[in-house]
Protein backbone atom coordinates (compact mmCIF):
# COMPACT_ATOMS: atom_id res chain seq x y z
CA MET A 1 136.37 78.46 136.89
CA ASP A 2 138.49 75.66 137.81
CA ALA A 3 138.91 77.07 141.24
CA LEU A 4 135.05 77.16 141.62
CA GLU A 5 134.79 73.74 140.01
CA TYR A 6 136.99 72.46 142.58
CA ILE A 7 135.73 73.82 145.91
CA HIS A 8 132.23 72.80 144.52
CA SER A 9 133.47 69.22 144.17
CA LEU A 10 134.22 69.62 148.02
CA GLN A 11 130.57 70.59 148.88
CA LEU A 12 131.80 74.15 149.26
CA VAL A 13 130.16 77.38 148.19
CA HIS A 14 131.91 80.65 148.29
CA HIS A 15 129.11 83.08 148.49
CA ASP A 16 131.14 86.16 148.28
CA LEU A 17 132.52 86.02 144.75
CA LYS A 18 134.04 89.90 143.80
CA PRO A 19 137.07 91.03 142.07
CA ASP A 20 138.70 91.80 145.55
CA ASN A 21 138.51 88.08 146.24
CA ILE A 22 139.94 86.95 142.87
CA LEU A 23 143.77 87.17 142.83
CA ILE A 24 145.97 86.40 139.79
CA THR A 25 149.37 85.36 140.36
CA ARG A 26 152.31 87.15 138.55
CA ASN A 27 154.04 84.06 137.82
CA GLY A 28 151.66 81.68 135.36
CA ALA A 29 148.89 83.99 135.82
CA ASN A 30 147.05 81.62 138.06
CA VAL A 31 143.65 82.45 139.47
CA LYS A 32 143.13 82.29 143.22
CA LEU A 33 139.95 82.61 145.62
CA ILE A 34 140.42 84.40 148.92
CA ASP A 35 138.08 85.19 151.75
CA PHE A 36 136.11 82.10 152.62
CA GLY A 37 134.45 83.89 155.41
CA LEU A 38 131.04 83.60 153.91
CA ALA A 39 131.60 80.23 152.51
CA ALA A 40 129.43 77.38 153.55
CA THR A 41 129.15 73.55 153.20
CA ASP A 42 126.39 70.98 153.06
CA ALA A 43 127.35 70.57 156.86
CA THR A 44 126.89 74.26 157.71
CA ILE A 45 124.13 75.60 159.56
CA THR A 46 123.07 78.88 157.67
CA SER A 47 120.10 80.83 156.52
CA VAL A 48 121.90 81.20 153.12
CA PRO A 49 121.06 78.30 150.81
CA ASN A 50 124.06 76.32 149.94
CA ASP A 51 123.51 76.15 146.20
CA PRO A 52 126.59 76.19 143.92
CA ARG A 53 124.45 78.12 141.36
CA LYS A 54 124.83 81.24 143.50
CA ASP A 55 128.56 81.48 142.72
CA ILE A 56 127.86 80.52 138.93
CA GLU A 57 125.15 83.40 139.11
CA THR A 58 127.83 85.98 140.53
CA LEU A 59 130.24 84.84 138.12
CA GLN A 60 128.00 85.59 135.19
CA ARG A 61 127.31 89.20 136.70
CA LEU A 62 131.33 89.50 137.14
CA PHE A 63 131.97 88.49 133.79
CA PRO A 64 129.00 89.08 131.28
CA ASP A 65 131.25 89.09 128.37
CA ILE A 66 132.69 85.60 129.18
CA CYS A 67 130.13 83.98 130.98
CA PRO A 68 126.86 83.03 128.74
CA LYS A 69 123.54 83.77 130.08
CA GLY A 70 121.41 81.07 131.48
CA HIS A 71 120.68 78.81 134.38
CA PHE A 72 123.54 76.23 134.92
CA ALA A 73 123.24 73.49 137.38
CA ASN A 74 127.04 73.49 137.92
CA ILE A 75 130.47 74.67 136.34
CA ALA A 76 130.84 71.70 134.01
CA ALA A 77 127.45 72.74 132.32
CA LEU A 78 128.80 76.31 132.08
CA ARG A 79 132.11 75.15 130.58
CA LYS A 80 130.24 72.87 128.20
CA THR A 81 128.29 75.96 126.96
CA LEU A 82 131.53 78.11 126.61
CA ASN A 83 133.00 75.18 124.87
CA ARG A 84 130.35 75.16 122.53
CA ARG A 85 130.63 78.84 121.80
CA LYS A 86 134.28 78.45 121.20
CA ARG A 87 133.84 75.86 118.44
CA PHE A 88 131.05 78.03 117.08
CA ILE A 89 133.42 81.04 116.83
CA ARG A 90 136.17 78.76 115.33
CA LEU A 91 133.89 77.63 112.63
CA LEU A 92 132.17 80.94 112.13
CA PRO A 93 135.03 81.74 109.34
CA VAL A 94 134.07 78.42 107.63
CA ILE A 95 130.38 79.12 107.96
CA LEU A 96 130.66 82.38 106.53
CA SER A 97 132.73 81.17 103.71
CA ALA A 98 130.18 78.62 102.84
CA LEU A 99 127.48 81.22 102.83
CA LEU A 100 129.42 83.49 100.53
CA LEU A 101 130.23 80.71 98.13
CA THR A 102 126.58 79.52 98.32
CA ALA A 103 125.59 83.20 97.41
CA ALA A 104 128.30 83.19 94.63
CA ILE A 105 127.16 80.17 93.17
CA THR A 106 123.54 81.10 93.42
CA LEU A 107 124.15 84.46 91.79
CA PHE A 108 125.99 82.89 89.15
CA TYR A 109 123.50 80.17 88.58
CA LEU A 110 120.67 82.78 88.13
CA SER A 111 122.82 84.87 85.79
CA TRP A 112 123.39 81.73 83.83
CA TYR A 113 119.87 80.70 83.85
CA GLU A 114 118.70 84.11 82.78
CA ARG A 115 121.17 84.05 79.80
CA HIS A 116 120.17 80.69 78.98
CA LEU A 117 116.38 81.84 78.98
CA GLU A 118 117.26 84.92 76.43
CA GLN A 119 119.07 82.39 74.34
CA GLN A 120 116.21 79.94 74.18
CA ARG A 121 113.90 82.89 73.47
CA PHE A 122 116.18 84.42 70.78
CA GLU A 123 116.48 80.99 69.05
CA THR A 124 112.65 80.64 69.24
CA MET A 125 112.41 83.98 67.28
CA ILE A 126 114.74 82.81 64.76
CA ALA A 127 113.11 79.76 64.30
CA GLN A 128 109.68 81.30 63.88
CA VAL A 129 111.19 84.03 61.26
CA ASP A 130 112.87 81.25 59.29
CA SER A 131 109.33 79.25 59.38
CA CYS A 132 107.52 82.21 57.87
CA ILE A 133 110.44 82.83 55.31
CA ALA A 134 110.23 79.09 54.44
CA LYS A 135 106.53 79.51 53.46
CA GLU A 136 106.96 82.32 51.57
CA ARG A 137 109.86 81.10 49.50
CA ALA A 138 107.62 78.16 48.72
CA TYR A 139 104.92 80.24 47.63
CA LEU A 140 107.42 82.34 45.47
CA LEU A 141 108.68 79.30 44.07
CA GLU A 142 105.32 77.85 43.17
CA MET A 143 104.32 81.24 41.55
CA ILE A 144 107.79 80.97 39.37
CA ASN A 145 106.96 77.33 38.32
CA ASN A 146 103.33 77.98 37.45
CA CYS A 147 104.05 81.50 35.78
CA ASP A 148 104.47 79.70 32.14
CA SER A 149 101.05 77.89 32.36
CA TYR A 150 99.46 81.32 33.53
CA ASP A 151 100.80 82.84 30.39
CA ALA A 152 99.86 79.99 28.12
CA GLU A 153 95.98 80.44 29.40
CA ASN A 154 96.31 84.23 28.93
CA GLU A 155 96.11 84.63 32.74
CA GLU A 156 99.11 86.69 33.17
CA GLU A 157 97.34 88.92 34.99
CA SER A 158 96.78 86.65 37.73
CA CYS A 159 100.29 85.98 38.28
CA TYR A 160 100.77 89.92 38.98
CA THR A 161 97.65 89.62 41.30
CA ARG A 162 99.17 86.73 43.13
CA TYR A 163 102.34 88.69 43.78
CA SER A 164 100.63 91.91 44.81
CA GLU A 165 98.70 89.74 47.44
CA PHE A 166 102.15 87.96 48.33
CA VAL A 167 103.56 91.47 49.21
CA GLN A 168 100.86 92.43 51.34
CA SER A 169 100.99 88.93 53.12
CA GLN A 170 104.69 89.71 53.81
CA TRP A 171 103.72 92.71 55.71
CA ALA A 172 101.08 90.96 57.64
CA VAL A 173 103.46 88.19 58.46
CA ARG A 174 105.85 91.01 59.69
CA ASP A 175 103.19 92.45 61.83
CA SER A 176 102.01 89.09 63.29
CA LEU A 177 105.79 88.36 64.28
CA MET A 178 106.21 91.82 65.83
CA ASN A 179 103.00 91.26 67.92
CA LEU A 180 104.86 88.32 69.64
CA TYR A 181 106.79 90.67 71.60
CA GLU A 182 106.46 93.72 73.87
CA GLU A 183 107.17 97.11 72.89
CA ASN A 184 110.15 97.54 75.14
CA ASP A 185 111.35 93.97 74.53
CA PRO A 186 114.82 94.02 72.82
CA LEU A 187 113.74 90.80 70.79
CA ARG A 188 111.27 93.01 68.78
CA GLU A 189 113.94 94.97 67.22
CA GLN A 190 116.04 91.92 66.81
CA CYS A 191 113.09 89.80 65.35
CA TRP A 192 112.52 92.92 63.11
CA GLN A 193 116.28 93.15 61.75
CA TYR A 194 116.36 89.60 61.09
CA TRP A 195 113.07 89.37 59.20
CA VAL A 196 114.13 92.25 56.95
CA ARG A 197 117.47 90.48 56.14
CA GLN A 198 116.03 87.17 55.52
CA GLU A 199 113.19 88.90 53.34
CA ALA A 200 116.09 90.84 51.69
CA GLN A 201 118.01 87.53 50.86
CA MET A 202 114.78 85.70 49.50
CA ASN A 203 113.56 88.66 47.36
CA THR A 204 117.24 89.08 46.04
CA GLU A 205 117.26 85.47 45.07
CA LEU A 206 113.71 84.88 43.90
CA ILE A 207 112.44 88.06 42.52
CA PRO A 208 114.48 88.46 39.54
CA LEU A 209 113.36 84.75 38.41
CA LEU A 210 109.78 85.95 38.79
CA SER A 211 110.49 89.00 36.96
CA SER A 212 111.86 87.22 34.12
CA LYS A 213 108.92 84.75 33.93
CA LEU A 214 106.63 87.68 33.76
CA LYS A 215 108.19 89.43 30.70
C-alpha cells in the first residue's frame, strides 16, 4: 500500500498488479513492486485510463480479506477506512464488555423490580387482611362491652344473634379477600394462611371474654 501510494504520488499508475509482480524481501519483509511495463503516467499516450483507482480496485481483488469494499479515490482514503476498521476491532472487546455489562445490569434491575413488585403486593395483602381483622376486632369489642346492657334488658338472645351474624361475616370477608387474587396466584394461598392466623389470634383473645359475658 505504501508502494502504491508512492508511485501514485508520482502520477504513475501500475496497471498490472498481480502476485507475480509483488515481491517481499527476506530482510525486513519489505514489499516491492516490479514489472512496470504497463504502467502509465499523465503524460503517457495510451487507451487505458490513467486512473489510480484501477490499482486500488485490483488491490481489493487480490486481498479481499484485508482491503474493505467500496470505491476509493486514492490510497489515503483506503488507508483511512482501514484505520477505522482497526480502531473498531480494538474497541470491539470494550464494546462487547459494555453490552454484556448493560445486559447484566438490565437483568438485575428487572429481577429486582419484579421482586419489588411482589413485595409491594404482599405488603398490600397484609394491610388488607389487617384492616379487616381490625374491623372485626372493633365489632367484637363493641359486642363484649354491650353484653351487660343486653342482659339487663332481657335481650341476651340478641347478643347470640349478633355473634352468629359475626361468624357468618367472617367467612364473607374471607371470600372477598380470596376473590382479589387469581386461582394460581401464590398470594391467594398466602392471604388465606395469614387471615387464618390473624383470625385465630383474635378469636383466642376475645371469644373467651365474650363467652364469659354470655354466661
